[in-house]
């Protein structure tokens, strides 16, 4: 029952998030004059707090009860998002202001994520973590499919600022649902707290573990080169090829369909093959998917190629994420969950801070197709590395 409520809250907020992901890009491009490099900076602003404060957020998640952090972060994120349409209506929204609000939103999301990934093992036993993560990944995928479609329709009908209101409302609903969850939570006593030592313990656990270390390091590389392609994709499709908002949303929706299918097969694949081989498969599918993008043109066939690329990318994420997250959660003691998750997630998001602007600059100076090929090359390197590492033999402890 408690997991079902947690699952529901996650689904509601994720739907709004996918609406805002597309709406923010359209708002920046069409009403604030953002180019490819500007979109890279805007994307980086959301993830910069993960690089700056990620380790501190992990310590906080291990020091405090996690449910209140989740609720507080949801309410605060709703307030920040509500400022965007308000400032736009007042004529006070500029690209620097939007970037600043996105950075504040990212800081709150960092706190939420640190508590969110660490809270799930409190709700389900270790042997059910893969299934629980797969269910949540399927739901995220459904919202990833529906969100862009809803956003594409809303942006076209009433404009991007109003579409962002839906996300603000979704966070309020999520907070209300989370408030109904009752689960015992214990925290360390004040005598055990030493910030420097707590951060060191989290880093040591992640980067000295024989499997967790290569899993984390290759994940960082994946995020670096994946983020070079992500903001460039929207610019390439909408501005260079000339597809409208709804057609762009169709390609993102295809990613959601792929993620649903991948997550549906993830548990079965992990049971039969083990977590490691499934993770490796997912890591190879990203460069395979992105390699399709440069061959698209401004025709229905080109749109189909772009949708196929997003579908394949989504399938890889869907099949890879549940065993990767389940393995991390299953092998990590509860008192290290927050620091483990935040250490990996903060550096992953920190890679976006580097990759997104670099991808935007490459696209600006050498063209979007060149930026995509650079991303594909780096993603192939990480796929080879994870294939040759102990990750391929990883199994979920029972």
Protein backbone atom coordinates (compact mmCIF):
# COMPACT_ATOMS: atom_id res chain seq x y z
CA UNK A 1 0.00 0.00 0.00
CA UNK A 2 2.78 2.45 0.93
CA UNK A 3 4.72 1.65 -2.25
CA UNK A 4 1.57 2.22 -4.30
CA UNK A 5 1.24 5.73 -2.87
CA UNK A 6 4.91 6.43 -3.46
CA UNK A 7 4.51 5.14 -7.01
CA UNK A 8 1.44 7.34 -7.57
CA UNK A 9 3.19 10.48 -6.33
CA UNK A 10 6.14 9.77 -8.62
CA UNK A 11 3.87 9.24 -11.63
CA UNK A 12 1.98 12.50 -11.10
CA UNK A 13 5.10 14.63 -10.72
CA UNK A 14 6.84 12.93 -13.66
CA UNK A 15 3.93 13.72 -15.98
CA UNK A 16 4.26 17.38 -15.18
CA UNK A 17 8.04 17.22 -15.52
CA UNK A 18 7.87 15.90 -19.08
CA UNK A 19 5.40 18.63 -19.98
CA UNK A 20 7.81 21.26 -18.67
CA UNK A 21 10.86 19.71 -20.36
CA UNK A 22 9.39 20.40 -23.78
CA UNK A 23 7.61 23.62 -22.80
CA UNK A 24 10.77 25.23 -21.40
CA UNK A 25 12.68 24.55 -24.60
CA UNK A 26 9.92 25.97 -26.78
CA UNK A 27 9.55 29.00 -24.48
CA UNK A 28 13.28 29.69 -24.63
CA UNK A 29 13.54 29.26 -28.42
CA UNK A 30 10.35 30.89 -29.64
CA UNK A 31 9.76 33.68 -27.11
CA UNK A 32 13.17 34.43 -25.62
CA UNK A 33 15.27 33.92 -28.77
CA UNK A 34 17.48 31.10 -27.48
CA UNK A 35 19.88 29.38 -29.87
CA UNK A 36 21.60 26.00 -29.62
CA UNK A 37 24.32 27.31 -27.27
CA UNK A 38 21.69 29.02 -25.07
CA UNK A 39 19.74 25.76 -24.78
CA UNK A 40 22.92 24.03 -23.68
CA UNK A 41 23.44 26.62 -20.93
CA UNK A 42 19.78 26.36 -19.87
CA UNK A 43 20.07 22.59 -19.62
CA UNK A 44 23.32 22.89 -17.66
CA UNK A 45 21.73 25.33 -15.18
CA UNK A 46 19.29 22.68 -14.00
CA UNK A 47 22.09 20.24 -13.24
CA UNK A 48 24.79 22.59 -11.91
CA UNK A 49 23.51 22.25 -8.30
CA UNK A 50 24.11 18.50 -8.50
CA UNK A 51 27.78 19.18 -9.17
CA UNK A 52 28.08 21.88 -6.50
CA UNK A 53 25.95 20.48 -3.68
CA UNK A 54 25.33 16.82 -4.55
CA UNK A 55 27.55 15.31 -1.84
CA UNK A 56 26.02 17.57 0.81
CA UNK A 57 22.52 16.51 -0.28
CA UNK A 58 23.52 12.87 0.20
CA UNK A 59 24.66 13.55 3.74
CA UNK A 60 21.40 15.38 4.46
CA UNK A 61 19.35 12.46 3.12
CA UNK A 62 21.20 10.09 5.47
CA UNK A 63 20.93 12.45 8.45
CA UNK A 64 17.22 13.24 8.20
CA UNK A 65 13.96 11.43 7.66
CA UNK A 66 13.49 11.27 3.91
CA UNK A 67 9.71 11.69 3.59
CA UNK A 68 9.68 15.31 4.89
CA UNK A 69 12.48 16.17 2.45
CA UNK A 70 10.40 14.79 -0.42
CA UNK A 71 7.30 16.74 0.58
CA UNK A 72 9.14 20.02 1.17
CA UNK A 73 11.02 19.80 -2.13
CA UNK A 74 7.78 19.15 -4.05
CA UNK A 75 6.05 22.18 -2.56
CA UNK A 76 9.05 24.44 -3.18
CA UNK A 77 9.42 23.26 -6.80
CA UNK A 78 5.77 24.05 -7.44
CA UNK A 79 6.34 27.60 -6.21
CA UNK A 80 9.42 28.11 -8.40
CA UNK A 81 7.69 26.85 -11.53
CA UNK A 82 4.68 29.06 -10.85
CA UNK A 83 6.99 32.07 -11.06
CA UNK A 84 7.78 31.39 -14.74
CA UNK A 85 4.30 32.08 -16.21
CA UNK A 86 3.80 34.87 -13.65
CA UNK A 87 6.95 36.72 -14.72
CA UNK A 88 6.14 36.10 -18.38
CA UNK A 89 2.71 37.66 -17.92
CA UNK A 90 4.35 40.68 -16.30
CA UNK A 91 6.87 41.02 -19.14
CA UNK A 92 9.76 40.38 -16.75
CA UNK A 93 10.89 36.97 -18.00
CA UNK A 94 14.25 37.03 -19.80
CA UNK A 95 16.65 34.24 -20.70
CA UNK A 96 18.99 34.99 -17.74
CA UNK A 97 16.02 35.08 -15.35
CA UNK A 98 14.70 31.80 -16.73
CA UNK A 99 18.15 30.26 -16.38
CA UNK A 100 18.31 31.39 -12.75
CA UNK A 101 14.91 29.92 -11.96
CA UNK A 102 15.92 26.65 -13.60
CA UNK A 103 19.03 26.57 -11.38
CA UNK A 104 16.90 27.05 -8.24
CA UNK A 105 14.55 24.34 -9.46
CA UNK A 106 17.57 22.07 -9.99
CA UNK A 107 18.74 22.63 -6.40
CA UNK A 108 15.35 21.58 -5.06
CA UNK A 109 15.28 18.58 -7.41
CA UNK A 110 18.69 17.56 -6.08
CA UNK A 111 17.31 17.37 -2.53
CA UNK A 112 14.27 15.47 -3.75
CA UNK A 113 16.31 12.96 -5.74
CA UNK A 114 18.72 12.28 -2.87
CA UNK A 115 15.80 11.35 -0.62
CA UNK A 116 13.69 9.68 -3.34
CA UNK A 117 16.16 6.99 -4.40
CA UNK A 118 17.05 6.30 -0.76
CA UNK A 119 13.41 6.04 0.41
CA UNK A 120 12.36 3.17 -1.87
CA UNK A 121 14.35 0.46 0.03
CA UNK A 122 12.29 1.43 3.09
CA UNK A 123 9.11 0.46 1.25
CA UNK A 124 10.05 -2.84 -0.42
CA UNK A 125 12.40 -5.73 0.51
CA UNK A 126 15.70 -6.20 -1.41
CA UNK A 127 14.41 -9.08 -3.53
CA UNK A 128 11.63 -6.86 -4.90
CA UNK A 129 13.74 -3.81 -5.71
CA UNK A 130 14.21 -4.76 -9.38
CA UNK A 131 10.46 -5.20 -9.83
CA UNK A 132 9.67 -1.98 -7.97
CA UNK A 133 12.20 0.00 -10.00
CA UNK A 134 10.86 -1.56 -13.21
CA UNK A 135 7.29 -0.56 -12.31
CA UNK A 136 8.40 3.00 -11.64
CA UNK A 137 10.43 3.08 -14.85
CA UNK A 138 7.38 1.90 -16.80
CA UNK A 139 5.31 4.68 -15.25
CA UNK A 140 8.00 7.25 -16.02
CA UNK A 141 7.98 5.99 -19.58
CA UNK A 142 4.21 6.34 -19.87
CA UNK A 143 4.46 9.89 -18.57
CA UNK A 144 7.37 10.48 -20.93
CA UNK A 145 5.07 9.46 -23.77
CA UNK A 146 2.01 11.37 -22.60
CA UNK A 147 3.86 14.41 -21.25
CA UNK A 148 5.35 15.63 -24.54
CA UNK A 149 2.09 14.98 -26.39
CA UNK A 150 0.17 16.97 -23.79
CA UNK A 151 2.87 19.63 -23.86
CA UNK A 152 2.86 19.81 -27.65
CA UNK A 153 -0.89 20.34 -27.67
CA UNK A 154 -0.84 22.82 -24.79
CA UNK A 155 2.04 24.86 -26.20
CA UNK A 156 0.31 25.09 -29.55
CA UNK A 157 -3.09 25.88 -28.01
CA UNK A 158 -2.30 28.22 -25.12
CA UNK A 159 1.47 28.82 -25.16
CA UNK A 160 4.49 27.43 -23.36
CA UNK A 161 4.17 29.49 -20.12
CA UNK A 162 0.69 28.15 -19.37
CA UNK A 163 1.84 24.57 -20.06
CA UNK A 164 4.36 24.92 -17.23
CA UNK A 165 1.49 25.55 -14.80
CA UNK A 166 0.57 21.85 -15.15
CA UNK A 167 3.93 20.84 -13.74
CA UNK A 168 3.53 23.18 -10.77
CA UNK A 169 0.15 21.61 -9.98
CA UNK A 170 1.59 18.10 -10.34
CA UNK A 171 4.18 18.77 -7.64
CA UNK A 172 1.48 19.95 -5.22
CA UNK A 173 -0.50 16.76 -5.86
CA UNK A 174 2.65 14.67 -5.38
CA UNK A 175 3.35 16.34 -2.03
CA UNK A 176 -0.20 15.64 -0.84
CA UNK A 177 0.07 11.95 -1.74
CA UNK A 178 3.50 11.61 -0.10
CA UNK A 179 2.06 13.12 3.08
CA UNK A 180 -0.21 10.07 3.43
CA UNK A 181 2.71 7.59 3.53
CA UNK A 182 3.54 6.19 6.95
CA UNK A 183 6.76 4.18 7.28
CA UNK A 184 9.28 3.95 10.16
CA UNK A 185 12.44 5.98 9.57
CA UNK A 186 15.48 6.12 11.81
CA UNK A 187 18.36 8.60 11.61
CA UNK A 188 21.85 8.62 13.14
CA UNK A 189 22.27 10.32 16.51
CA UNK A 190 23.96 13.75 16.51
CA UNK A 191 27.09 12.25 18.10
CA UNK A 192 27.81 10.28 14.91
CA UNK A 193 27.77 13.32 12.61
CA UNK A 194 30.97 14.53 11.00
CA UNK A 195 30.45 16.13 7.59
CA UNK A 196 33.90 15.45 6.17
CA UNK A 197 33.91 11.83 7.32
CA UNK A 198 30.36 11.21 6.11
CA UNK A 199 31.20 12.51 2.63
CA UNK A 200 34.40 10.44 2.58
CA UNK A 201 32.51 7.31 3.62
CA UNK A 202 30.07 7.77 0.72
CA UNK A 203 32.86 8.31 -1.82
CA UNK A 204 34.82 5.33 -0.48
CA UNK A 205 31.80 3.03 -0.68
CA UNK A 206 31.13 3.95 -4.32
CA UNK A 207 34.60 4.24 -5.80
CA UNK A 208 36.33 1.36 -3.99
CA UNK A 209 33.61 -1.20 -4.61
CA UNK A 210 34.74 -3.69 -7.31
CA UNK A 211 31.47 -3.47 -9.27
CA UNK A 212 29.93 -0.20 -8.12
CA UNK A 213 33.05 1.78 -9.09
CA UNK A 214 33.10 0.85 -12.82
CA UNK A 215 29.32 1.06 -12.91
CA UNK A 216 29.47 4.63 -11.57
CA UNK A 217 32.42 5.77 -13.68
CA UNK A 218 30.97 4.53 -16.96
CA UNK A 219 27.65 6.08 -15.94
CA UNK A 220 29.40 9.45 -15.62
CA UNK A 221 30.79 9.09 -19.14
CA UNK A 222 27.34 8.08 -20.44
CA UNK A 223 25.79 11.25 -19.00
CA UNK A 224 28.58 13.44 -20.38
CA UNK A 225 28.11 12.39 -23.99
CA UNK A 226 24.36 11.79 -23.80
CA UNK A 227 23.96 15.39 -22.63
CA UNK A 228 25.87 16.65 -25.68
CA UNK A 229 23.11 15.28 -27.88
CA UNK A 230 19.96 16.00 -25.85
CA UNK A 231 19.67 19.83 -26.18
CA UNK A 232 21.03 19.68 -29.73
CA UNK A 233 18.28 17.23 -30.71
CA UNK A 234 15.46 19.68 -29.95
CA UNK A 235 17.22 22.50 -31.81
CA UNK A 236 17.99 20.25 -34.78
CA UNK A 237 14.43 18.97 -35.08
CA UNK A 238 12.58 22.23 -34.43
CA UNK A 239 14.84 24.89 -35.93
CA UNK A 240 17.03 23.20 -38.53
CA UNK A 241 14.59 20.65 -39.94
CA UNK A 242 11.54 22.83 -39.27
CA UNK A 243 9.24 20.32 -37.57
CA UNK A 244 6.64 22.03 -35.39
CA UNK A 245 6.04 21.64 -31.64
CA UNK A 246 3.65 18.72 -32.01
CA UNK A 247 5.93 16.83 -34.39
CA UNK A 248 8.82 17.35 -31.95
CA UNK A 249 6.62 16.04 -29.16
CA UNK A 250 5.90 12.91 -31.23
CA UNK A 251 9.60 12.04 -31.28
CA UNK A 252 9.83 12.43 -27.51
CA UNK A 253 6.71 10.33 -27.12
CA UNK A 254 8.40 7.56 -29.12
CA UNK A 255 11.13 7.52 -26.46
CA UNK A 256 8.44 6.95 -23.86
CA UNK A 257 7.02 3.99 -25.77
CA UNK A 258 10.50 2.50 -26.02
CA UNK A 259 11.08 2.96 -22.30
CA UNK A 260 7.79 1.23 -21.45
CA UNK A 261 8.77 -1.77 -23.55
CA UNK A 262 12.31 -1.85 -22.18
CA UNK A 263 11.16 -1.64 -18.57
CA UNK A 264 8.54 -4.34 -19.23
CA UNK A 265 11.29 -6.73 -20.34
CA UNK A 266 13.83 -5.64 -17.75
CA UNK A 267 12.75 -7.86 -14.86
CA UNK A 268 12.53 -10.96 -17.05
CA UNK A 269 15.86 -10.20 -18.66
CA UNK A 270 17.53 -9.68 -15.29
CA UNK A 271 16.07 -12.91 -13.92
CA UNK A 272 17.31 -14.94 -16.88
CA UNK A 273 20.61 -13.24 -17.68
CA UNK A 274 21.55 -11.36 -14.53
CA UNK A 275 21.75 -7.62 -13.90
CA UNK A 276 25.16 -7.16 -15.55
CA UNK A 277 24.35 -8.34 -19.09
CA UNK A 278 21.13 -6.32 -19.14
CA UNK A 279 22.98 -3.17 -18.04
CA UNK A 280 25.59 -3.72 -20.76
CA UNK A 281 22.88 -4.13 -23.41
CA UNK A 282 21.24 -0.88 -22.35
CA UNK A 283 24.55 0.99 -22.51
CA UNK A 284 25.12 -0.10 -26.13
CA UNK A 285 21.65 0.93 -27.30
CA UNK A 286 22.23 4.67 -26.67
CA UNK A 287 25.00 5.16 -29.28
CA UNK A 288 23.09 2.92 -31.68
CA UNK A 289 20.04 5.15 -31.28
CA UNK A 290 21.85 8.48 -31.64
CA UNK A 291 23.70 7.27 -34.73
CA UNK A 292 20.36 7.43 -36.59
CA UNK A 293 19.79 11.16 -35.94
CA UNK A 294 22.22 12.66 -38.50
CA UNK A 295 20.48 10.77 -41.33
CA UNK A 296 17.13 12.51 -40.76
CA UNK A 297 15.83 15.23 -43.08
CA UNK A 298 12.75 17.46 -43.25
CA UNK A 299 10.43 14.77 -44.63
CA UNK A 300 8.00 12.28 -43.11
CA UNK A 301 10.72 9.65 -43.48
CA UNK A 302 13.09 11.91 -41.57
CA UNK A 303 10.54 12.31 -38.79
CA UNK A 304 10.18 8.51 -38.66
CA UNK A 305 13.98 8.17 -38.33
CA UNK A 306 14.00 10.65 -35.46
CA UNK A 307 11.16 8.77 -33.74
CA UNK A 308 13.03 5.47 -34.23
CA UNK A 309 16.14 7.00 -32.67
CA UNK A 310 14.20 8.17 -29.64
CA UNK A 311 12.39 4.81 -29.36
CA UNK A 312 15.69 2.91 -29.34
CA UNK A 313 17.18 5.34 -26.82
CA UNK A 314 14.13 4.91 -24.58
CA UNK A 315 14.27 1.13 -24.85
CA UNK A 316 17.90 1.17 -23.72
CA UNK A 317 17.13 3.38 -20.72
CA UNK A 318 14.07 1.32 -19.82
CA UNK A 319 15.85 -2.02 -19.84
CA UNK A 320 19.01 -0.73 -18.13
CA UNK A 321 17.72 1.52 -15.33
CA UNK A 322 15.83 -1.01 -13.12
CA UNK A 323 18.70 -3.53 -12.73
CA UNK A 324 21.27 -0.75 -12.36
CA UNK A 325 19.27 1.04 -9.66
CA UNK A 326 18.17 -2.21 -8.03
CA UNK A 327 21.74 -3.47 -7.82
CA UNK A 328 22.95 -0.21 -6.26
CA UNK A 329 20.14 -0.20 -3.70
CA UNK A 330 20.43 -3.91 -2.86
CA UNK A 331 24.16 -3.92 -2.07
CA UNK A 332 24.25 -0.61 -0.14
CA UNK A 333 23.52 -0.45 3.63
CA UNK A 334 20.62 1.83 4.60
CA UNK A 335 22.85 4.32 6.41
CA UNK A 336 24.79 4.89 3.15
CA UNK A 337 21.84 4.96 0.72
CA UNK A 338 21.60 8.75 0.53
CA UNK A 339 25.33 9.25 0.05
CA UNK A 340 25.66 6.44 -2.49
CA UNK A 341 22.77 7.74 -4.58
CA UNK A 342 23.82 11.37 -4.36
CA UNK A 343 27.48 10.64 -5.09
CA UNK A 344 26.61 8.85 -8.30
CA UNK A 345 23.69 11.06 -9.28
CA UNK A 346 25.44 14.36 -8.53
CA UNK A 347 28.45 13.49 -10.65
CA UNK A 348 26.17 12.15 -13.39
CA UNK A 349 24.27 15.43 -13.42
CA UNK A 350 27.58 17.29 -13.15
CA UNK A 351 28.54 15.73 -16.46
CA UNK A 352 25.48 17.41 -17.98
CA UNK A 353 26.81 20.76 -16.79
CA UNK A 354 29.86 20.11 -18.97
CA UNK A 355 28.31 18.14 -21.82
CA UNK A 356 25.23 20.24 -22.59
CA UNK A 357 27.08 23.55 -23.20
CA UNK A 358 29.85 21.76 -25.10
CA UNK A 359 27.28 20.04 -27.31
CA UNK A 360 25.55 23.37 -27.88
CA UNK A 361 28.84 25.08 -28.81
CA UNK A 362 29.81 22.30 -31.21
CA UNK A 363 26.37 22.54 -32.83
CA UNK A 364 26.69 26.33 -33.08
CA UNK A 365 30.11 26.27 -34.73
CA UNK A 366 30.17 22.95 -36.61
CA UNK A 367 26.49 22.03 -36.94
CA UNK A 368 24.10 19.75 -35.02
CA UNK A 369 25.10 16.62 -36.93
CA UNK A 370 28.73 17.02 -35.90
CA UNK A 371 27.69 17.45 -32.26
CA UNK A 372 25.67 14.23 -32.48
CA UNK A 373 28.61 12.27 -33.92
CA UNK A 374 30.87 13.48 -31.10
CA UNK A 375 28.28 12.23 -28.62
CA UNK A 376 27.99 8.87 -30.37
CA UNK A 377 31.77 8.39 -30.28
CA UNK A 378 31.96 8.99 -26.54
CA UNK A 379 28.99 6.71 -25.89
CA UNK A 380 30.66 3.88 -27.80
CA UNK A 381 33.75 4.31 -25.58
CA UNK A 382 31.68 3.95 -22.39
CA UNK A 383 29.85 0.93 -23.81
CA UNK A 384 33.16 -0.81 -24.53
CA UNK A 385 34.43 0.06 -21.04
CA UNK A 386 31.39 -1.29 -19.19
CA UNK A 387 31.44 -4.45 -21.32
CA UNK A 388 35.05 -5.14 -20.30
CA UNK A 389 34.45 -4.41 -16.59
CA UNK A 390 33.18 -6.60 -13.70
CA UNK A 391 29.75 -4.99 -14.23
CA UNK A 392 28.96 -7.64 -16.83
CA UNK A 393 28.98 -10.28 -14.06
CA UNK A 394 26.84 -8.29 -11.58
CA UNK A 395 24.02 -10.17 -9.85
CA UNK A 396 21.35 -8.93 -7.43
CA UNK A 397 21.92 -10.45 -3.96
CA UNK A 398 18.91 -12.40 -2.67
